[in-house]
Amino acid sequence: MLPKNDTLIKGSSYLSIYSSIYDGTEKALHHLTATASMRNVSISDSIYIMKASYYDTEGNLIRTYFDKPIFLKPLETIEIVIDQDDKFGGTGANFIFEWAVKSDLHEPIFEAVMISTTGQQGISFTTRGVKL
């Protein structure tokens, strides 16, 4: 729950997620596990994540995380994992995060790691969120 004297600065950030990538041709897809990290970079104060909305390649809302605001303690990180067999997002999936911080704090950092391993072959890469 947000403080009663709400003097927080509110914002939103966009994070690209690849739950699938093209493999060899545009007709073959390789499915990935994606971990979306929400990071509080403050060493002294908590921040608030109001909502995390996950969208597919066409911009359709797949699901929303958090029914009420959650807070991240100083230097805390929380994650949302999109399982490799969750193919709803596609090649152009994304998150929109809504957040709130005290006026003298840094905004949260949003990052994603996508990974897949098959046999002796593996692939991994990262993306970083941008403030909207």
C-alpha atoms as a PDB file:
ATOM      1  CA  MET A   1       0.000   0.000   0.000  1.00  0.00           C
ATOM      2  CA  LEU A   2       1.295   3.473  -0.862  1.00  0.00           C
ATOM      3  CA  PRO A   3       2.040   5.999   1.896  1.00  0.00           C
ATOM      4  CA  LYS A   4      -0.921   8.238   2.865  1.00  0.00           C
ATOM      5  CA  ASN A   5       0.994  11.452   2.073  1.00  0.00           C
ATOM      6  CA  ASP A   6       1.664  10.367  -1.490  1.00  0.00           C
ATOM      7  CA  THR A   7       4.513  12.623  -2.636  1.00  0.00           C
ATOM      8  CA  LEU A   8       5.874   9.941  -4.893  1.00  0.00           C
ATOM      9  CA  ILE A   9       6.930  10.460  -8.494  1.00  0.00           C
ATOM     10  CA  LYS A  10       5.118   7.979 -10.723  1.00  0.00           C
ATOM     11  CA  GLY A  11       6.377   6.634 -14.021  1.00  0.00           C
ATOM     12  CA  SER A  12       6.305   3.724 -16.403  1.00  0.00           C
ATOM     13  CA  SER A  13       8.896   1.694 -18.284  1.00  0.00           C
ATOM     14  CA  TYR A  14       8.869  -0.581 -21.337  1.00  0.00           C
ATOM     15  CA  LEU A  15      10.801  -3.875 -21.475  1.00  0.00           C
ATOM     16  CA  SER A  16      11.057  -6.068 -24.581  1.00  0.00           C
ATOM     17  CA  ILE A  17      10.771  -9.829 -24.058  1.00  0.00           C
ATOM     18  CA  TYR A  18      11.460 -12.560 -26.585  1.00  0.00           C
ATOM     19  CA  SER A  19       9.544 -15.695 -25.633  1.00  0.00           C
ATOM     20  CA  SER A  20      10.312 -16.992 -29.151  1.00  0.00           C
ATOM     21  CA  ILE A  21      12.916 -16.169 -31.796  1.00  0.00           C
ATOM     22  CA  TYR A  22      13.254 -17.229 -35.399  1.00  0.00           C
ATOM     23  CA  ASP A  23      15.531 -20.210 -35.939  1.00  0.00           C
ATOM     24  CA  GLY A  24      16.961 -20.643 -39.426  1.00  0.00           C
ATOM     25  CA  THR A  25      13.929 -19.274 -41.277  1.00  0.00           C
ATOM     26  CA  GLU A  26      10.891 -17.164 -40.491  1.00  0.00           C
ATOM     27  CA  LYS A  27       8.855 -20.376 -40.410  1.00  0.00           C
ATOM     28  CA  ALA A  28      10.812 -22.049 -37.601  1.00  0.00           C
ATOM     29  CA  LEU A  29      10.597 -20.740 -34.036  1.00  0.00           C
ATOM     30  CA  HIS A  30      12.843 -21.444 -31.070  1.00  0.00           C
ATOM     31  CA  HIS A  31      11.129 -20.944 -27.697  1.00  0.00           C
ATOM     32  CA  LEU A  32      12.948 -19.320 -24.767  1.00  0.00           C
ATOM     33  CA  THR A  33      12.635 -18.927 -21.023  1.00  0.00           C
ATOM     34  CA  ALA A  34      12.540 -15.230 -20.141  1.00  0.00           C
ATOM     35  CA  THR A  35      13.275 -13.723 -16.729  1.00  0.00           C
ATOM     36  CA  ALA A  36      12.144 -10.123 -16.236  1.00  0.00           C
ATOM     37  CA  SER A  37      13.981  -8.482 -13.304  1.00  0.00           C
ATOM     38  CA  MET A  38      12.731  -5.446 -11.399  1.00  0.00           C
ATOM     39  CA  ARG A  39      15.597  -3.835  -9.473  1.00  0.00           C
ATOM     40  CA  ASN A  40      15.654  -1.183  -6.785  1.00  0.00           C
ATOM     41  CA  VAL A  41      18.992   0.624  -7.101  1.00  0.00           C
ATOM     42  CA  SER A  42      18.513   2.725  -3.950  1.00  0.00           C
ATOM     43  CA  ILE A  43      20.706   1.822  -0.980  1.00  0.00           C
ATOM     44  CA  SER A  44      18.413   3.571   1.513  1.00  0.00           C
ATOM     45  CA  ASP A  45      14.729   3.598   0.449  1.00  0.00           C
ATOM     46  CA  SER A  46      12.039   1.290  -0.864  1.00  0.00           C
ATOM     47  CA  ILE A  47      10.346   1.801  -4.217  1.00  0.00           C
ATOM     48  CA  TYR A  48       6.927   0.696  -5.412  1.00  0.00           C
ATOM     49  CA  ILE A  49       5.900  -1.385  -8.414  1.00  0.00           C
ATOM     50  CA  MET A  50       2.251  -0.650  -9.102  1.00  0.00           C
ATOM     51  CA  LYS A  51       1.635  -3.029 -11.993  1.00  0.00           C
ATOM     52  CA  ALA A  52       3.414  -5.287 -14.484  1.00  0.00           C
ATOM     53  CA  SER A  53       1.454  -5.893 -17.704  1.00  0.00           C
ATOM     54  CA  TYR A  54       2.612  -8.514 -20.220  1.00  0.00           C
ATOM     55  CA  TYR A  55       1.684  -8.061 -23.899  1.00  0.00           C
ATOM     56  CA  ASP A  56       2.077 -10.256 -26.980  1.00  0.00           C
ATOM     57  CA  THR A  57       3.627  -9.405 -30.348  1.00  0.00           C
ATOM     58  CA  GLU A  58       0.379  -7.824 -31.577  1.00  0.00           C
ATOM     59  CA  GLY A  59       0.070  -5.627 -28.478  1.00  0.00           C
ATOM     60  CA  ASN A  60      -2.696  -7.663 -26.840  1.00  0.00           C
ATOM     61  CA  LEU A  61      -2.636  -7.908 -23.045  1.00  0.00           C
ATOM     62  CA  ILE A  62      -1.792 -11.475 -22.009  1.00  0.00           C
ATOM     63  CA  ARG A  63      -1.811 -11.022 -18.230  1.00  0.00           C
ATOM     64  CA  THR A  64      -1.265  -8.486 -15.475  1.00  0.00           C
ATOM     65  CA  TYR A  65       0.892  -9.166 -12.435  1.00  0.00           C
ATOM     66  CA  PHE A  66       0.248  -7.695  -8.940  1.00  0.00           C
ATOM     67  CA  ASP A  67      -3.276  -6.903  -7.744  1.00  0.00           C
ATOM     68  CA  LYS A  68      -1.964  -4.119  -5.509  1.00  0.00           C
ATOM     69  CA  PRO A  69       1.296  -2.167  -5.267  1.00  0.00           C
ATOM     70  CA  ILE A  70       4.322  -4.106  -4.055  1.00  0.00           C
ATOM     71  CA  PHE A  71       7.468  -2.584  -2.654  1.00  0.00           C
ATOM     72  CA  LEU A  72      11.088  -3.440  -3.186  1.00  0.00           C
ATOM     73  CA  LYS A  73      13.424  -2.887  -0.272  1.00  0.00           C
ATOM     74  CA  PRO A  74      16.766  -1.149  -0.880  1.00  0.00           C
ATOM     75  CA  LEU A  75      18.818  -3.143  -3.413  1.00  0.00           C
ATOM     76  CA  GLU A  76      16.100  -5.800  -3.705  1.00  0.00           C
ATOM     77  CA  THR A  77      15.361  -7.551  -7.002  1.00  0.00           C
ATOM     78  CA  ILE A  78      12.225  -9.491  -7.880  1.00  0.00           C
ATOM     79  CA  GLU A  79      11.585 -11.478 -11.032  1.00  0.00           C
ATOM     80  CA  ILE A  80       8.820 -12.678 -13.277  1.00  0.00           C
ATOM     81  CA  VAL A  81       9.640 -15.861 -15.188  1.00  0.00           C
ATOM     82  CA  ILE A  82       7.996 -16.611 -18.528  1.00  0.00           C
ATOM     83  CA  ASP A  83       8.359 -20.371 -18.979  1.00  0.00           C
ATOM     84  CA  GLN A  84       9.818 -21.767 -22.201  1.00  0.00           C
ATOM     85  CA  ASP A  85       6.549 -23.545 -22.939  1.00  0.00           C
ATOM     86  CA  ASP A  86       4.532 -20.290 -22.512  1.00  0.00           C
ATOM     87  CA  LYS A  87       4.336 -19.357 -26.194  1.00  0.00           C
ATOM     88  CA  PHE A  88       1.693 -16.610 -25.860  1.00  0.00           C
ATOM     89  CA  GLY A  89       4.117 -13.672 -26.078  1.00  0.00           C
ATOM     90  CA  GLY A  90       5.838 -14.546 -29.332  1.00  0.00           C
ATOM     91  CA  THR A  91       8.784 -12.816 -30.964  1.00  0.00           C
ATOM     92  CA  GLY A  92       7.759  -9.297 -29.966  1.00  0.00           C
ATOM     93  CA  ALA A  93       6.378  -9.663 -26.442  1.00  0.00           C
ATOM     94  CA  ASN A  94       6.834  -6.854 -23.924  1.00  0.00           C
ATOM     95  CA  PHE A  95       6.111  -5.597 -20.434  1.00  0.00           C
ATOM     96  CA  ILE A  96       4.872  -2.235 -19.282  1.00  0.00           C
ATOM     97  CA  PHE A  97       5.782  -1.556 -15.649  1.00  0.00           C
ATOM     98  CA  GLU A  98       4.141   1.182 -13.602  1.00  0.00           C
ATOM     99  CA  TRP A  99       6.194   2.331 -10.613  1.00  0.00           C
ATOM    100  CA  ALA A 100       6.550   5.046  -7.970  1.00  0.00           C
ATOM    101  CA  VAL A 101       9.615   6.433  -6.157  1.00  0.00           C
ATOM    102  CA  LYS A 102      10.425   9.276  -3.787  1.00  0.00           C
ATOM    103  CA  SER A 103      11.451  12.397  -5.703  1.00  0.00           C
ATOM    104  CA  ASP A 104      15.130  12.073  -4.732  1.00  0.00           C
ATOM    105  CA  LEU A 105      15.526   8.423  -5.782  1.00  0.00           C
ATOM    106  CA  HIS A 106      16.598   6.746  -8.996  1.00  0.00           C
ATOM    107  CA  GLU A 107      13.917   5.041 -11.041  1.00  0.00           C
ATOM    108  CA  PRO A 108      13.926   1.231 -10.943  1.00  0.00           C
ATOM    109  CA  ILE A 109      15.885  -0.774 -13.491  1.00  0.00           C
ATOM    110  CA  PHE A 110      14.082  -3.372 -15.603  1.00  0.00           C
ATOM    111  CA  GLU A 111      16.101  -6.065 -17.381  1.00  0.00           C
ATOM    112  CA  ALA A 112      15.323  -9.367 -19.065  1.00  0.00           C
ATOM    113  CA  VAL A 113      17.422 -12.457 -19.680  1.00  0.00           C
ATOM    114  CA  MET A 114      16.258 -14.898 -22.346  1.00  0.00           C
ATOM    115  CA  ILE A 115      17.801 -18.371 -22.420  1.00  0.00           C
ATOM    116  CA  SER A 116      17.364 -21.772 -23.990  1.00  0.00           C
ATOM    117  CA  THR A 117      19.510 -24.877 -24.089  1.00  0.00           C
ATOM    118  CA  THR A 118      18.943 -27.877 -26.299  1.00  0.00           C
ATOM    119  CA  GLY A 119      21.409 -30.747 -26.175  1.00  0.00           C
ATOM    120  CA  GLN A 120      24.855 -29.182 -26.222  1.00  0.00           C
ATOM    121  CA  GLN A 121      23.705 -25.922 -27.800  1.00  0.00           C
ATOM    122  CA  GLY A 122      22.586 -22.879 -25.846  1.00  0.00           C
ATOM    123  CA  ILE A 123      21.484 -19.338 -26.522  1.00  0.00           C
ATOM    124  CA  SER A 124      21.102 -16.399 -24.157  1.00  0.00           C
ATOM    125  CA  PHE A 125      20.804 -12.620 -24.416  1.00  0.00           C
ATOM    126  CA  THR A 126      19.508  -9.648 -22.455  1.00  0.00           C
ATOM    127  CA  THR A 127      17.331  -6.584 -22.934  1.00  0.00           C
ATOM    128  CA  ARG A 128      16.996  -3.447 -20.821  1.00  0.00           C
ATOM    129  CA  GLY A 129      13.924  -1.370 -20.103  1.00  0.00           C
ATOM    130  CA  VAL A 130      13.392   2.234 -21.165  1.00  0.00           C
ATOM    131  CA  LYS A 131      11.425   4.890 -19.314  1.00  0.00           C
ATOM    132  CA  LEU A 132       8.269   5.990 -21.125  1.00  0.00           C
END
